[in-house]
């Protein structure tokens, strides 16, 4: 996890999207990292540019194959929210 404070609005958004089943409630997926290529972030809905680090996750969620893409900071906010005793669920 990052040493910088995580923006509270990203954590709030992550909690909301997890509750609505828009984002997965766990990290049991294959994950890759690299530079973005303009795809939209699954958390903040903004493009992930080539100057940004992108985390891509793929796996089956509720019987459907899904792909999620995150900015580094957005992935960290989501990860905090799914980690027991770290998130504010």
N, C-alpha and C. Protein backbone atom coordinates (compact mmCIF):
# COMPACT_ATOMS: atom_id res chain seq x y z
N UNK A 1 0.83 -1.18 0.00
CA UNK A 1 0.00 0.00 0.00
C UNK A 1 0.88 1.24 0.00
N UNK A 2 0.30 2.31 -0.43
CA UNK A 2 1.03 3.56 -0.52
C UNK A 2 1.20 4.22 0.85
N UNK A 3 2.24 5.00 1.00
CA UNK A 3 2.46 5.75 2.24
C UNK A 3 1.64 7.03 2.26
N UNK A 4 1.28 7.53 1.10
CA UNK A 4 0.50 8.76 1.02
C UNK A 4 -0.93 8.49 1.48
N UNK A 5 -1.57 9.50 2.08
CA UNK A 5 -2.96 9.31 2.50
C UNK A 5 -3.85 9.03 1.29
N UNK A 6 -4.79 8.15 1.49
CA UNK A 6 -5.74 7.82 0.42
C UNK A 6 -6.90 8.79 0.51
N UNK A 7 -7.27 9.35 -0.60
CA UNK A 7 -8.36 10.32 -0.62
C UNK A 7 -9.66 9.67 -0.15
N UNK A 8 -10.31 10.31 0.80
CA UNK A 8 -11.52 9.73 1.40
C UNK A 8 -12.64 9.57 0.38
N UNK A 9 -12.72 10.46 -0.62
CA UNK A 9 -13.80 10.30 -1.60
C UNK A 9 -13.61 9.04 -2.44
N UNK A 10 -12.36 8.62 -2.67
CA UNK A 10 -12.14 7.38 -3.41
C UNK A 10 -12.52 6.17 -2.57
N UNK A 11 -12.24 6.22 -1.28
CA UNK A 11 -12.64 5.11 -0.40
C UNK A 11 -14.16 5.03 -0.31
N UNK A 12 -14.82 6.18 -0.21
CA UNK A 12 -16.28 6.20 -0.16
C UNK A 12 -16.86 5.62 -1.44
N UNK A 13 -16.33 6.04 -2.58
CA UNK A 13 -16.79 5.54 -3.87
C UNK A 13 -16.55 4.04 -3.98
N UNK A 14 -15.40 3.56 -3.51
CA UNK A 14 -15.11 2.13 -3.54
C UNK A 14 -16.13 1.36 -2.70
N UNK A 15 -16.43 1.83 -1.50
CA UNK A 15 -17.42 1.16 -0.64
C UNK A 15 -18.77 1.08 -1.34
N UNK A 16 -19.20 2.20 -1.94
CA UNK A 16 -20.49 2.23 -2.63
C UNK A 16 -20.52 1.25 -3.79
N UNK A 17 -19.45 1.20 -4.57
CA UNK A 17 -19.43 0.31 -5.74
C UNK A 17 -19.31 -1.15 -5.35
N UNK A 18 -18.66 -1.43 -4.25
CA UNK A 18 -18.61 -2.81 -3.74
C UNK A 18 -20.01 -3.23 -3.30
N UNK A 19 -20.70 -2.38 -2.56
CA UNK A 19 -22.07 -2.69 -2.09
C UNK A 19 -23.03 -2.92 -3.24
N UNK A 20 -22.85 -2.20 -4.35
CA UNK A 20 -23.73 -2.33 -5.53
C UNK A 20 -23.25 -3.41 -6.49
N UNK A 21 -22.22 -4.17 -6.11
CA UNK A 21 -21.64 -5.24 -6.94
C UNK A 21 -21.06 -4.73 -8.26
N UNK A 22 -20.65 -3.46 -8.27
CA UNK A 22 -19.97 -2.90 -9.45
C UNK A 22 -18.50 -3.27 -9.39
N UNK A 23 -17.94 -3.32 -8.16
CA UNK A 23 -16.56 -3.75 -7.94
C UNK A 23 -16.58 -5.01 -7.09
N UNK A 24 -15.57 -5.86 -7.25
CA UNK A 24 -15.54 -7.12 -6.50
C UNK A 24 -15.25 -6.90 -5.01
N UNK A 25 -15.79 -7.77 -4.15
CA UNK A 25 -15.56 -7.65 -2.71
C UNK A 25 -14.26 -8.30 -2.23
N UNK A 26 -13.52 -8.90 -3.15
CA UNK A 26 -12.24 -9.52 -2.78
C UNK A 26 -11.28 -9.42 -3.96
N UNK A 27 -10.02 -9.73 -3.68
CA UNK A 27 -8.96 -9.59 -4.69
C UNK A 27 -8.53 -10.93 -5.26
N UNK A 28 -9.40 -11.90 -5.29
CA UNK A 28 -9.04 -13.22 -5.79
C UNK A 28 -9.13 -13.25 -7.32
N UNK A 29 -8.23 -12.50 -7.95
CA UNK A 29 -8.20 -12.40 -9.41
C UNK A 29 -6.76 -12.29 -9.86
N UNK A 30 -6.54 -12.59 -11.13
CA UNK A 30 -5.22 -12.34 -11.71
C UNK A 30 -5.06 -10.83 -11.85
N UNK A 31 -3.87 -10.33 -11.50
CA UNK A 31 -3.63 -8.89 -11.53
C UNK A 31 -2.33 -8.59 -12.26
N UNK A 32 -2.38 -7.58 -13.12
CA UNK A 32 -1.20 -7.11 -13.85
C UNK A 32 -1.06 -5.62 -13.61
N UNK A 33 0.14 -5.14 -13.77
CA UNK A 33 0.39 -3.70 -13.66
C UNK A 33 1.22 -3.23 -14.83
N UNK A 34 1.05 -1.99 -15.19
CA UNK A 34 1.82 -1.41 -16.29
C UNK A 34 1.36 0.01 -16.53
N UNK A 35 1.73 0.55 -17.66
CA UNK A 35 1.30 1.90 -18.02
C UNK A 35 -0.10 1.84 -18.63
N UNK A 36 -0.89 2.87 -18.35
CA UNK A 36 -2.23 2.94 -18.89
C UNK A 36 -2.21 3.18 -20.40
N UNK A 37 -3.37 2.91 -21.02
CA UNK A 37 -3.50 3.13 -22.46
C UNK A 37 -4.81 3.83 -22.82
N UNK A 38 -5.34 4.59 -21.84
CA UNK A 38 -6.55 5.35 -22.12
C UNK A 38 -7.84 4.68 -21.70
N UNK A 39 -7.78 3.43 -21.21
CA UNK A 39 -8.99 2.76 -20.74
C UNK A 39 -9.53 3.50 -19.51
N UNK A 40 -10.81 3.34 -19.24
CA UNK A 40 -11.46 4.03 -18.13
C UNK A 40 -11.27 3.25 -16.83
N UNK A 41 -10.97 3.98 -15.76
CA UNK A 41 -10.80 3.39 -14.43
C UNK A 41 -12.15 2.87 -13.92
N UNK A 42 -12.14 1.67 -13.36
CA UNK A 42 -13.35 1.06 -12.82
C UNK A 42 -13.85 1.74 -11.55
N UNK A 43 -13.01 2.56 -10.93
CA UNK A 43 -13.44 3.25 -9.72
C UNK A 43 -13.84 4.69 -10.00
N UNK A 44 -12.94 5.48 -10.57
CA UNK A 44 -13.22 6.92 -10.71
C UNK A 44 -13.81 7.30 -12.07
N UNK A 45 -13.86 6.36 -13.02
CA UNK A 45 -14.44 6.59 -14.36
C UNK A 45 -13.63 7.56 -15.22
N UNK A 46 -12.39 7.85 -14.84
CA UNK A 46 -11.52 8.70 -15.65
C UNK A 46 -10.55 7.84 -16.44
N UNK A 47 -10.09 8.31 -17.60
CA UNK A 47 -9.13 7.53 -18.39
C UNK A 47 -7.81 7.35 -17.63
N UNK A 48 -7.17 6.22 -17.87
CA UNK A 48 -5.86 5.92 -17.30
C UNK A 48 -4.85 6.17 -18.41
N UNK A 49 -4.17 7.30 -18.32
CA UNK A 49 -3.25 7.73 -19.38
C UNK A 49 -1.94 6.96 -19.36
N UNK A 50 -1.17 7.12 -20.42
CA UNK A 50 0.11 6.42 -20.55
C UNK A 50 1.12 6.86 -19.50
N UNK A 51 0.91 8.03 -18.90
CA UNK A 51 1.80 8.49 -17.83
C UNK A 51 1.39 7.93 -16.47
N UNK A 52 0.25 7.24 -16.41
CA UNK A 52 -0.27 6.66 -15.17
C UNK A 52 0.06 5.18 -15.07
N UNK A 53 0.15 4.68 -13.84
CA UNK A 53 0.25 3.24 -13.60
C UNK A 53 -1.17 2.68 -13.60
N UNK A 54 -1.37 1.59 -14.32
CA UNK A 54 -2.67 0.93 -14.38
C UNK A 54 -2.56 -0.46 -13.78
N UNK A 55 -3.52 -0.81 -12.93
CA UNK A 55 -3.68 -2.18 -12.45
C UNK A 55 -4.86 -2.77 -13.20
N UNK A 56 -4.66 -3.92 -13.79
CA UNK A 56 -5.73 -4.62 -14.48
C UNK A 56 -5.96 -5.95 -13.77
N UNK A 57 -7.22 -6.24 -13.49
CA UNK A 57 -7.59 -7.48 -12.82
C UNK A 57 -8.62 -8.21 -13.66
N UNK A 58 -8.47 -9.53 -13.73
CA UNK A 58 -9.43 -10.33 -14.50
C UNK A 58 -9.79 -11.57 -13.69
N UNK A 59 -11.06 -11.94 -13.76
CA UNK A 59 -11.52 -13.13 -13.07
C UNK A 59 -13.02 -13.28 -13.20
N UNK A 60 -13.53 -14.33 -12.60
CA UNK A 60 -14.96 -14.61 -12.62
C UNK A 60 -15.58 -14.07 -11.34
N UNK A 61 -16.57 -13.20 -11.50
CA UNK A 61 -17.30 -12.62 -10.38
C UNK A 61 -18.78 -12.92 -10.60
N UNK A 62 -19.39 -13.60 -9.64
CA UNK A 62 -20.81 -13.97 -9.74
C UNK A 62 -21.12 -14.69 -11.06
N UNK A 63 -20.21 -15.57 -11.47
CA UNK A 63 -20.42 -16.38 -12.65
C UNK A 63 -20.11 -15.70 -13.98
N UNK A 64 -19.65 -14.47 -13.95
CA UNK A 64 -19.36 -13.72 -15.17
C UNK A 64 -17.89 -13.33 -15.19
N UNK A 65 -17.23 -13.53 -16.35
CA UNK A 65 -15.84 -13.09 -16.48
C UNK A 65 -15.82 -11.58 -16.55
N UNK A 66 -15.02 -10.97 -15.68
CA UNK A 66 -14.96 -9.51 -15.60
C UNK A 66 -13.52 -9.02 -15.68
N UNK A 67 -13.34 -7.81 -16.19
CA UNK A 67 -12.06 -7.13 -16.20
C UNK A 67 -12.25 -5.79 -15.52
N UNK A 68 -11.36 -5.48 -14.60
CA UNK A 68 -11.38 -4.21 -13.89
C UNK A 68 -10.04 -3.52 -14.13
N UNK A 69 -10.09 -2.21 -14.30
CA UNK A 69 -8.86 -1.42 -14.48
C UNK A 69 -8.89 -0.28 -13.48
N UNK A 70 -7.72 0.01 -12.87
CA UNK A 70 -7.64 1.04 -11.85
C UNK A 70 -6.39 1.89 -12.03
N UNK A 71 -6.49 3.18 -11.69
CA UNK A 71 -5.30 3.98 -11.42
C UNK A 71 -4.66 3.39 -10.16
N UNK A 72 -3.39 3.65 -9.94
CA UNK A 72 -2.71 3.18 -8.75
C UNK A 72 -3.45 3.61 -7.48
N UNK A 73 -3.77 4.89 -7.37
CA UNK A 73 -4.44 5.39 -6.17
C UNK A 73 -5.84 4.80 -6.01
N UNK A 74 -6.54 4.61 -7.10
CA UNK A 74 -7.89 4.02 -7.05
C UNK A 74 -7.82 2.55 -6.63
N UNK A 75 -6.83 1.82 -7.15
CA UNK A 75 -6.66 0.42 -6.75
C UNK A 75 -6.37 0.34 -5.26
N UNK A 76 -5.54 1.25 -4.75
CA UNK A 76 -5.20 1.26 -3.33
C UNK A 76 -6.44 1.54 -2.49
N UNK A 77 -7.27 2.49 -2.90
CA UNK A 77 -8.50 2.81 -2.16
C UNK A 77 -9.43 1.60 -2.13
N UNK A 78 -9.60 0.92 -3.26
CA UNK A 78 -10.43 -0.28 -3.32
C UNK A 78 -9.84 -1.37 -2.43
N UNK A 79 -8.54 -1.55 -2.49
CA UNK A 79 -7.87 -2.59 -1.71
C UNK A 79 -8.04 -2.35 -0.21
N UNK A 80 -7.95 -1.10 0.23
CA UNK A 80 -8.16 -0.79 1.64
C UNK A 80 -9.58 -1.17 2.06
N UNK A 81 -10.54 -0.91 1.20
CA UNK A 81 -11.94 -1.19 1.54
C UNK A 81 -12.27 -2.69 1.59
N UNK A 82 -11.50 -3.51 0.92
CA UNK A 82 -11.78 -4.96 0.96
C UNK A 82 -10.92 -5.69 1.99
N UNK A 83 -9.99 -4.98 2.62
CA UNK A 83 -9.09 -5.58 3.59
C UNK A 83 -9.72 -5.51 4.98
N UNK A 84 -9.91 -6.66 5.64
CA UNK A 84 -10.50 -6.65 6.99
C UNK A 84 -9.71 -5.75 7.93
N UNK A 85 -10.43 -5.04 8.78
CA UNK A 85 -9.86 -4.14 9.80
C UNK A 85 -9.17 -2.92 9.22
N UNK A 86 -9.20 -2.71 7.92
CA UNK A 86 -8.59 -1.53 7.30
C UNK A 86 -9.68 -0.62 6.75
N UNK A 87 -10.65 -1.21 6.07
CA UNK A 87 -11.72 -0.42 5.47
C UNK A 87 -12.74 -0.02 6.52
N UNK A 88 -13.67 0.81 6.12
CA UNK A 88 -14.71 1.27 7.05
C UNK A 88 -16.06 0.72 6.61
N UNK A 89 -16.13 -0.60 6.48
CA UNK A 89 -17.37 -1.26 6.03
C UNK A 89 -18.42 -1.24 7.10
